[in-house]
Amino acid sequence: MTVALMWEARAVPGRGEELLAWARRQELAGRPLRRETFRAPQDRVLVITWWDAEFTAELPELPEPEGELVTRAVHRWRFESVGEGQDG
């Protein structure tokens, strides 16, 4: 089974590049199948990691940034892959 972990944070205004650099520097305790990092308006950063694991498996996640870098707690979601193809 493939599980995707999503980590999303919103930087203090004007510190989006700093948050992006911080997220890219974070090492995980294990190696995911894939890892992608995204940015969006309002200084938001999203990191998605894909793992070959059961949905409830304990998996390494990015931590909360320290200090005054973010405006709120990090949002985290976990998804199970249902395969590729068209829905409908």
PDB file of N, CA and C in Angstrom:
ATOM      1  N   MET A   1       0.850  -1.164   0.000  1.00  0.00           N
ATOM      2  CA  MET A   1       0.000   0.000   0.000  1.00  0.00           C
ATOM      3  C   MET A   1       0.905   1.240   0.000  1.00  0.00           C
ATOM      4  N   THR A   2       0.447   2.285  -0.647  1.00  0.00           N
ATOM      5  CA  THR A   2       1.174   3.553  -0.632  1.00  0.00           C
ATOM      6  C   THR A   2       0.398   4.565   0.197  1.00  0.00           C
ATOM      7  N   VAL A   3       1.121   5.194   1.119  1.00  0.00           N
ATOM      8  CA  VAL A   3       0.555   6.216   1.993  1.00  0.00           C
ATOM      9  C   VAL A   3       1.270   7.525   1.690  1.00  0.00           C
ATOM     10  N   ALA A   4       0.487   8.594   1.574  1.00  0.00           N
ATOM     11  CA  ALA A   4       1.067   9.927   1.362  1.00  0.00           C
ATOM     12  C   ALA A   4       0.844  10.757   2.617  1.00  0.00           C
ATOM     13  N   LEU A   5       1.911  11.363   3.103  1.00  0.00           N
ATOM     14  CA  LEU A   5       1.822  12.281   4.234  1.00  0.00           C
ATOM     15  C   LEU A   5       1.969  13.694   3.692  1.00  0.00           C
ATOM     16  N   MET A   6       1.058  14.557   4.105  1.00  0.00           N
ATOM     17  CA  MET A   6       1.104  15.951   3.675  1.00  0.00           C
ATOM     18  C   MET A   6       1.359  16.830   4.891  1.00  0.00           C
ATOM     19  N   TRP A   7       2.275  17.763   4.729  1.00  0.00           N
ATOM     20  CA  TRP A   7       2.674  18.702   5.773  1.00  0.00           C
ATOM     21  C   TRP A   7       2.543  20.089   5.169  1.00  0.00           C
ATOM     22  N   GLU A   8       1.752  20.973   5.781  1.00  0.00           N
ATOM     23  CA  GLU A   8       1.544  22.315   5.220  1.00  0.00           C
ATOM     24  C   GLU A   8       1.676  23.358   6.312  1.00  0.00           C
ATOM     25  N   ALA A   9       2.447  24.399   6.014  1.00  0.00           N
ATOM     26  CA  ALA A   9       2.664  25.475   6.981  1.00  0.00           C
ATOM     27  C   ALA A   9       2.553  26.819   6.280  1.00  0.00           C
ATOM     28  N   ARG A  10       2.197  27.830   7.051  1.00  0.00           N
ATOM     29  CA  ARG A  10       2.103  29.199   6.535  1.00  0.00           C
ATOM     30  C   ARG A  10       3.083  30.074   7.304  1.00  0.00           C
ATOM     31  N   ALA A  11       4.003  30.663   6.563  1.00  0.00           N
ATOM     32  CA  ALA A  11       5.039  31.490   7.182  1.00  0.00           C
ATOM     33  C   ALA A  11       4.483  32.846   7.593  1.00  0.00           C
ATOM     34  N   VAL A  12       5.180  33.461   8.507  1.00  0.00           N
ATOM     35  CA  VAL A  12       4.912  34.853   8.836  1.00  0.00           C
ATOM     36  C   VAL A  12       5.088  35.636   7.534  1.00  0.00           C
ATOM     37  N   PRO A  13       4.222  36.611   7.240  1.00  0.00           N
ATOM     38  CA  PRO A  13       4.328  37.351   5.978  1.00  0.00           C
ATOM     39  C   PRO A  13       5.758  37.810   5.685  1.00  0.00           C
ATOM     40  N   GLY A  14       6.181  37.540   4.458  1.00  0.00           N
ATOM     41  CA  GLY A  14       7.513  37.932   4.015  1.00  0.00           C
ATOM     42  C   GLY A  14       8.597  36.912   4.315  1.00  0.00           C
ATOM     43  N   ARG A  15       8.253  35.810   4.997  1.00  0.00           N
ATOM     44  CA  ARG A  15       9.269  34.814   5.364  1.00  0.00           C
ATOM     45  C   ARG A  15       9.044  33.477   4.661  1.00  0.00           C
ATOM     46  N   GLY A  16       8.298  33.512   3.561  1.00  0.00           N
ATOM     47  CA  GLY A  16       8.012  32.290   2.827  1.00  0.00           C
ATOM     48  C   GLY A  16       9.246  31.587   2.297  1.00  0.00           C
ATOM     49  N   GLU A  17      10.200  32.341   1.774  1.00  0.00           N
ATOM     50  CA  GLU A  17      11.433  31.728   1.254  1.00  0.00           C
ATOM     51  C   GLU A  17      12.228  31.084   2.384  1.00  0.00           C
ATOM     52  N   GLU A  18      12.217  31.699   3.545  1.00  0.00           N
ATOM     53  CA  GLU A  18      12.911  31.134   4.705  1.00  0.00           C
ATOM     54  C   GLU A  18      12.258  29.815   5.141  1.00  0.00           C
ATOM     55  N   LEU A  19      10.918  29.787   5.152  1.00  0.00           N
ATOM     56  CA  LEU A  19      10.207  28.558   5.497  1.00  0.00           C
ATOM     57  C   LEU A  19      10.471  27.478   4.459  1.00  0.00           C
ATOM     58  N   LEU A  20      10.467  27.844   3.178  1.00  0.00           N
ATOM     59  CA  LEU A  20      10.756  26.890   2.114  1.00  0.00           C
ATOM     60  C   LEU A  20      12.148  26.287   2.296  1.00  0.00           C
ATOM     61  N   ALA A  21      13.142  27.117   2.557  1.00  0.00           N
ATOM     62  CA  ALA A  21      14.510  26.624   2.770  1.00  0.00           C
ATOM     63  C   ALA A  21      14.576  25.728   4.004  1.00  0.00           C
ATOM     64  N   TRP A  22      13.870  26.107   5.066  1.00  0.00           N
ATOM     65  CA  TRP A  22      13.854  25.304   6.293  1.00  0.00           C
ATOM     66  C   TRP A  22      13.274  23.918   5.995  1.00  0.00           C
ATOM     67  N   ALA A  23      12.146  23.864   5.285  1.00  0.00           N
ATOM     68  CA  ALA A  23      11.499  22.583   4.976  1.00  0.00           C
ATOM     69  C   ALA A  23      12.408  21.700   4.132  1.00  0.00           C
ATOM     70  N   ARG A  24      13.104  22.279   3.188  1.00  0.00           N
ATOM     71  CA  ARG A  24      13.997  21.500   2.323  1.00  0.00           C
ATOM     72  C   ARG A  24      15.184  20.930   3.094  1.00  0.00           C
ATOM     73  N   ARG A  25      15.596  21.593   4.144  1.00  0.00           N
ATOM     74  CA  ARG A  25      16.733  21.116   4.950  1.00  0.00           C
ATOM     75  C   ARG A  25      16.365  19.973   5.890  1.00  0.00           C
ATOM     76  N   GLN A  26      15.094  19.766   6.148  1.00  0.00           N
ATOM     77  CA  GLN A  26      14.680  18.763   7.127  1.00  0.00           C
ATOM     78  C   GLN A  26      14.908  17.350   6.599  1.00  0.00           C
ATOM     79  N   GLU A  27      15.655  16.568   7.365  1.00  0.00           N
ATOM     80  CA  GLU A  27      15.898  15.175   7.021  1.00  0.00           C
ATOM     81  C   GLU A  27      14.939  14.299   7.800  1.00  0.00           C
ATOM     82  N   LEU A  28      14.503  13.242   7.181  1.00  0.00           N
ATOM     83  CA  LEU A  28      13.590  12.300   7.820  1.00  0.00           C
ATOM     84  C   LEU A  28      14.369  11.084   8.301  1.00  0.00           C
ATOM     85  N   ALA A  29      13.825  10.387   9.291  1.00  0.00           N
ATOM     86  CA  ALA A  29      14.486   9.211   9.851  1.00  0.00           C
ATOM     87  C   ALA A  29      14.531   8.056   8.856  1.00  0.00           C
ATOM     88  N   GLY A  30      13.649   8.061   7.874  1.00  0.00           N
ATOM     89  CA  GLY A  30      13.647   7.040   6.830  1.00  0.00           C
ATOM     90  C   GLY A  30      13.602   7.689   5.467  1.00  0.00           C
ATOM     91  N   ARG A  31      13.740   6.879   4.438  1.00  0.00           N
ATOM     92  CA  ARG A  31      13.725   7.410   3.074  1.00  0.00           C
ATOM     93  C   ARG A  31      12.386   7.097   2.422  1.00  0.00           C
ATOM     94  N   PRO A  32      11.591   8.130   2.089  1.00  0.00           N
ATOM     95  CA  PRO A  32      10.313   7.877   1.430  1.00  0.00           C
ATOM     96  C   PRO A  32      10.519   7.431  -0.020  1.00  0.00           C
ATOM     97  N   LEU A  33       9.466   6.882  -0.603  1.00  0.00           N
ATOM     98  CA  LEU A  33       9.513   6.525  -2.018  1.00  0.00           C
ATOM     99  C   LEU A  33       9.702   7.775  -2.868  1.00  0.00           C
ATOM    100  N   ARG A  34       9.120   8.854  -2.402  1.00  0.00           N
ATOM    101  CA  ARG A  34       9.140  10.124  -3.137  1.00  0.00           C
ATOM    102  C   ARG A  34       8.894  11.256  -2.149  1.00  0.00           C
ATOM    103  N   ARG A  35       9.448  12.413  -2.438  1.00  0.00           N
ATOM    104  CA  ARG A  35       9.227  13.609  -1.618  1.00  0.00           C
ATOM    105  C   ARG A  35       9.175  14.806  -2.552  1.00  0.00           C
ATOM    106  N   GLU A  36       8.121  15.621  -2.402  1.00  0.00           N
ATOM    107  CA  GLU A  36       7.990  16.839  -3.204  1.00  0.00           C
ATOM    108  C   GLU A  36       7.676  18.010  -2.296  1.00  0.00           C
ATOM    109  N   THR A  37       8.187  19.157  -2.671  1.00  0.00           N
ATOM    110  CA  THR A  37       7.964  20.380  -1.909  1.00  0.00           C
ATOM    111  C   THR A  37       7.336  21.415  -2.834  1.00  0.00           C
ATOM    112  N   PHE A  38       6.312  22.101  -2.328  1.00  0.00           N
ATOM    113  CA  PHE A  38       5.572  23.089  -3.108  1.00  0.00           C
ATOM    114  C   PHE A  38       5.486  24.395  -2.330  1.00  0.00           C
ATOM    115  N   ARG A  39       5.259  25.486  -3.049  1.00  0.00           N
ATOM    116  CA  ARG A  39       4.958  26.760  -2.394  1.00  0.00           C
ATOM    117  C   ARG A  39       3.710  27.344  -3.033  1.00  0.00           C
ATOM    118  N   ALA A  40       3.061  28.236  -2.290  1.00  0.00           N
ATOM    119  CA  ALA A  40       1.815  28.834  -2.759  1.00  0.00           C
ATOM    120  C   ALA A  40       1.739  30.271  -2.243  1.00  0.00           C
ATOM    121  N   PRO A  41       0.792  31.051  -2.770  1.00  0.00           N
ATOM    122  CA  PRO A  41       0.609  32.411  -2.254  1.00  0.00           C
ATOM    123  C   PRO A  41       0.394  32.399  -0.740  1.00  0.00           C
ATOM    124  N   GLN A  42       0.569  33.545  -0.156  1.00  0.00           N
ATOM    125  CA  GLN A  42       0.432  33.756   1.290  1.00  0.00           C
ATOM    126  C   GLN A  42       1.533  33.032   2.065  1.00  0.00           C
ATOM    127  N   ASP A  43       2.708  32.873   1.428  1.00  0.00           N
ATOM    128  CA  ASP A  43       3.884  32.293   2.081  1.00  0.00           C
ATOM    129  C   ASP A  43       3.620  30.903   2.651  1.00  0.00           C
ATOM    130  N   ARG A  44       2.880  30.078   1.897  1.00  0.00           N
ATOM    131  CA  ARG A  44       2.592  28.711   2.329  1.00  0.00           C
ATOM    132  C   ARG A  44       3.558  27.719   1.681  1.00  0.00           C
ATOM    133  N   VAL A  45       3.900  26.667   2.430  1.00  0.00           N
ATOM    134  CA  VAL A  45       4.789  25.604   1.958  1.00  0.00           C
ATOM    135  C   VAL A  45       4.108  24.269   2.227  1.00  0.00           C
ATOM    136  N   LEU A  46       4.163  23.381   1.238  1.00  0.00           N
ATOM    137  CA  LEU A  46       3.565  22.058   1.344  1.00  0.00           C
ATOM    138  C   LEU A  46       4.624  21.019   1.016  1.00  0.00           C
ATOM    139  N   VAL A  47       4.744  19.994   1.850  1.00  0.00           N
ATOM    140  CA  VAL A  47       5.654  18.877   1.588  1.00  0.00           C
ATOM    141  C   VAL A  47       4.812  17.605   1.596  1.00  0.00           C
ATOM    142  N   ILE A  48       4.952  16.812   0.531  1.00  0.00           N
ATOM    143  CA  ILE A  48       4.266  15.524   0.449  1.00  0.00           C
ATOM    144  C   ILE A  48       5.327  14.440   0.351  1.00  0.00           C
ATOM    145  N   THR A  49       5.193  13.421   1.208  1.00  0.00           N
ATOM    146  CA  THR A  49       6.076  12.262   1.138  1.00  0.00           C
ATOM    147  C   THR A  49       5.218  11.024   0.902  1.00  0.00           C
ATOM    148  N   TRP A  50       5.729  10.112   0.086  1.00  0.00           N
ATOM    149  CA  TRP A  50       5.038   8.865  -0.228  1.00  0.00           C
ATOM    150  C   TRP A  50       5.821   7.718   0.394  1.00  0.00           C
ATOM    151  N   TRP A  51       5.097   6.774   1.010  1.00  0.00           N
ATOM    152  CA  TRP A  51       5.715   5.655   1.716  1.00  0.00           C
ATOM    153  C   TRP A  51       5.061   4.336   1.312  1.00  0.00           C
ATOM    154  N   ASP A  52       5.847   3.290   1.245  1.00  0.00           N
ATOM    155  CA  ASP A  52       5.322   1.936   1.074  1.00  0.00           C
ATOM    156  C   ASP A  52       5.073   1.415   2.483  1.00  0.00           C
ATOM    157  N   ALA A  53       3.836   1.587   2.964  1.00  0.00           N
ATOM    158  CA  ALA A  53       3.516   1.247   4.349  1.00  0.00           C
ATOM    159  C   ALA A  53       2.008   1.106   4.509  1.00  0.00           C
ATOM    160  N   GLU A  54       1.607   0.512   5.609  1.00  0.00           N
ATOM    161  CA  GLU A  54       0.195   0.456   5.965  1.00  0.00           C
ATOM    162  C   GLU A  54      -0.269   1.843   6.392  1.00  0.00           C
ATOM    163  N   PHE A  55      -1.556   2.111   6.276  1.00  0.00           N
ATOM    164  CA  PHE A  55      -2.104   3.431   6.588  1.00  0.00           C
ATOM    165  C   PHE A  55      -1.792   3.868   8.018  1.00  0.00           C
ATOM    166  N   THR A  56      -1.822   2.944   8.944  1.00  0.00           N
ATOM    167  CA  THR A  56      -1.620   3.286  10.357  1.00  0.00           C
ATOM    168  C   THR A  56      -0.164   3.167  10.812  1.00  0.00           C
ATOM    169  N   ALA A  57       0.741   2.875   9.881  1.00  0.00           N
ATOM    170  CA  ALA A  57       2.154   2.711  10.243  1.00  0.00           C
ATOM    171  C   ALA A  57       2.725   3.993  10.834  1.00  0.00           C
ATOM    172  N   GLU A  58       3.652   3.835  11.748  1.00  0.00           N
ATOM    173  CA  GLU A  58       4.366   4.988  12.296  1.00  0.00           C
ATOM    174  C   GLU A  58       5.424   5.400  11.273  1.00  0.00           C
ATOM    175  N   LEU A  59       5.313   6.625  10.793  1.00  0.00           N
ATOM    176  CA  LEU A  59       6.196   7.114   9.742  1.00  0.00           C
ATOM    177  C   LEU A  59       6.842   8.428  10.174  1.00  0.00           C
ATOM    178  N   PRO A  60       8.064   8.681   9.716  1.00  0.00           N
ATOM    179  CA  PRO A  60       8.710   9.942  10.063  1.00  0.00           C
ATOM    180  C   PRO A  60       8.024  11.121   9.388  1.00  0.00           C
ATOM    181  N   GLU A  61       7.838  12.194  10.127  1.00  0.00           N
ATOM    182  CA  GLU A  61       7.194  13.393   9.589  1.00  0.00           C
ATOM    183  C   GLU A  61       8.057  14.609   9.862  1.00  0.00           C
ATOM    184  N   LEU A  62       7.876  15.642   9.076  1.00  0.00           N
ATOM    185  CA  LEU A  62       8.568  16.893   9.341  1.00  0.00           C
ATOM    186  C   LEU A  62       8.056  17.476  10.654  1.00  0.00           C
ATOM    187  N   PRO A  63       8.930  18.109  11.411  1.00  0.00           N
ATOM    188  CA  PRO A  63       8.521  18.697  12.691  1.00  0.00           C
ATOM    189  C   PRO A  63       7.841  20.052  12.501  1.00  0.00           C
ATOM    190  N   GLU A  64       7.412  20.612  13.604  1.00  0.00           N
ATOM    191  CA  GLU A  64       6.934  21.999  13.622  1.00  0.00           C
ATOM    192  C   GLU A  64       8.173  22.898  13.538  1.00  0.00           C
ATOM    193  N   PRO A  65       8.141  23.942  12.736  1.00  0.00           N
ATOM    194  CA  PRO A  65       9.268  24.886  12.731  1.00  0.00           C
ATOM    195  C   PRO A  65       9.362  25.588  14.087  1.00  0.00           C
ATOM    196  N   GLU A  66      10.578  25.810  14.520  1.00  0.00           N
ATOM    197  CA  GLU A  66      10.789  26.475  15.801  1.00  0.00           C
ATOM    198  C   GLU A  66      10.710  27.989  15.640  1.00  0.00           C
ATOM    199  N   GLY A  67      10.486  28.655  16.738  1.00  0.00           N
ATOM    200  CA  GLY A  67      10.508  30.110  16.751  1.00  0.00           C
ATOM    201  C   GLY A  67       9.278  30.733  16.137  1.00  0.00           C
ATOM    202  N   GLU A  68       9.479  31.888  15.579  1.00  0.00           N
ATOM    203  CA  GLU A  68       8.385  32.705  15.051  1.00  0.00           C
ATOM    204  C   GLU A  68       8.314  32.655  13.527  1.00  0.00           C
ATOM    205  N   LEU A  69       8.620  31.493  12.940  1.00  0.00           N
ATOM    206  CA  LEU A  69       8.639  31.383  11.486  1.00  0.00           C
ATOM    207  C   LEU A  69       7.252  31.195  10.887  1.00  0.00           C
ATOM    208  N   VAL A  70       6.321  30.559  11.624  1.00  0.00           N
ATOM    209  CA  VAL A  70       4.997  30.276  11.091  1.00  0.00           C
ATOM    210  C   VAL A  70       3.909  31.029  11.850  1.00  0.00           C
ATOM    211  N   THR A  71       2.777  31.224  11.174  1.00  0.00           N
ATOM    212  CA  THR A  71       1.672  31.988  11.776  1.00  0.00           C
ATOM    213  C   THR A  71       0.693  31.126  12.548  1.00  0.00           C
ATOM    214  N   ARG A  72       0.790  29.790  12.367  1.00  0.00           N
ATOM    215  CA  ARG A  72      -0.135  28.872  13.031  1.00  0.00           C
ATOM    216  C   ARG A  72       0.519  27.496  13.089  1.00  0.00           C
ATOM    217  N   ALA A  73      -0.127  26.579  13.785  1.00  0.00           N
ATOM    218  CA  ALA A  73       0.385  25.210  13.849  1.00  0.00           C
ATOM    219  C   ALA A  73       0.378  24.590  12.451  1.00  0.00           C
ATOM    220  N   VAL A  74       1.303  23.704  12.217  1.00  0.00           N
ATOM    221  CA  VAL A  74       1.390  22.983  10.957  1.00  0.00           C
ATOM    222  C   VAL A  74       0.140  22.123  10.779  1.00  0.00           C
ATOM    223  N   HIS A  75      -0.358  22.037   9.554  1.00  0.00           N
ATOM    224  CA  HIS A  75      -1.468  21.139   9.225  1.00  0.00           C
ATOM    225  C   HIS A  75      -0.866  19.864   8.657  1.00  0.00           C
ATOM    226  N   ARG A  76      -1.421  18.723   9.067  1.00  0.00           N
ATOM    227  CA  ARG A  76      -0.929  17.422   8.606  1.00  0.00           C
ATOM    228  C   ARG A  76      -2.113  16.561   8.173  1.00  0.00           C
ATOM    229  N   TRP A  77      -1.925  15.841   7.066  1.00  0.00           N
ATOM    230  CA  TRP A  77      -2.943  14.911   6.587  1.00  0.00           C
ATOM    231  C   TRP A  77      -2.256  13.631   6.142  1.00  0.00           C
ATOM    232  N   ARG A  78      -2.991  12.543   6.176  1.00  0.00           N
ATOM    233  CA  ARG A  78      -2.501  11.238   5.725  1.00  0.00           C
ATOM    234  C   ARG A  78      -3.530  10.683   4.744  1.00  0.00           C
ATOM    235  N   PHE A  79      -3.038  10.219   3.595  1.00  0.00           N
ATOM    236  CA  PHE A  79      -3.913   9.674   2.563  1.00  0.00           C
ATOM    237  C   PHE A  79      -3.417   8.314   2.112  1.00  0.00           C
ATOM    238  N   GLU A  80      -4.336   7.462   1.709  1.00  0.00           N
ATOM    239  CA  GLU A  80      -4.030   6.160   1.144  1.00  0.00           C
ATOM    240  C   GLU A  80      -4.249   6.223  -0.358  1.00  0.00           C
ATOM    241  N   SER A  81      -3.304   5.721  -1.133  1.00  0.00           N
ATOM    242  CA  SER A  81      -3.451   5.708  -2.581  1.00  0.00           C
ATOM    243  C   SER A  81      -4.527   4.710  -2.991  1.00  0.00           C
ATOM    244  N   VAL A  82      -5.355   5.126  -3.940  1.00  0.00           N
ATOM    245  CA  VAL A  82      -6.362   4.224  -4.487  1.00  0.00           C
ATOM    246  C   VAL A  82      -6.020   3.861  -5.938  1.00  0.00           C
ATOM    247  N   GLY A  83      -4.802   4.143  -6.350  1.00  0.00           N
ATOM    248  CA  GLY A  83      -4.341   3.788  -7.679  1.00  0.00           C
ATOM    249  C   GLY A  83      -4.571   4.908  -8.675  1.00  0.00           C
ATOM    250  N   GLU A  84      -3.992   4.719  -9.847  1.00  0.00           N
ATOM    251  CA  GLU A  84      -4.138   5.699 -10.916  1.00  0.00           C
ATOM    252  C   GLU A  84      -5.297   5.328 -11.796  1.00  0.00           C
ATOM    253  N   GLY A  85      -5.796   6.269 -12.532  1.00  0.00           N
ATOM    254  CA  GLY A  85      -6.899   6.017 -13.451  1.00  0.00           C
ATOM    255  C   GLY A  85      -7.927   7.109 -13.350  1.00  0.00           C
ATOM    256  N   GLN A  86      -8.950   6.990 -14.153  1.00  0.00           N
ATOM    257  CA  GLN A  86     -10.002   8.007 -14.174  1.00  0.00           C
ATOM    258  C   GLN A  86     -11.142   7.597 -13.262  1.00  0.00           C
ATOM    259  N   ASP A  87     -11.620   8.563 -12.515  1.00  0.00           N
ATOM    260  CA  ASP A  87     -12.793   8.338 -11.684  1.00  0.00           C
ATOM    261  C   ASP A  87     -14.035   8.655 -12.518  1.00  0.00           C
ATOM    262  N   GLY A  88     -15.136   8.060 -12.159  1.00  0.00           N
ATOM    263  CA  GLY A  88     -16.347   8.441 -12.858  1.00  0.00           C
ATOM    264  C   GLY A  88     -17.152   7.314 -13.171  1.00  0.00           C
TER     265      GLY A  88
END
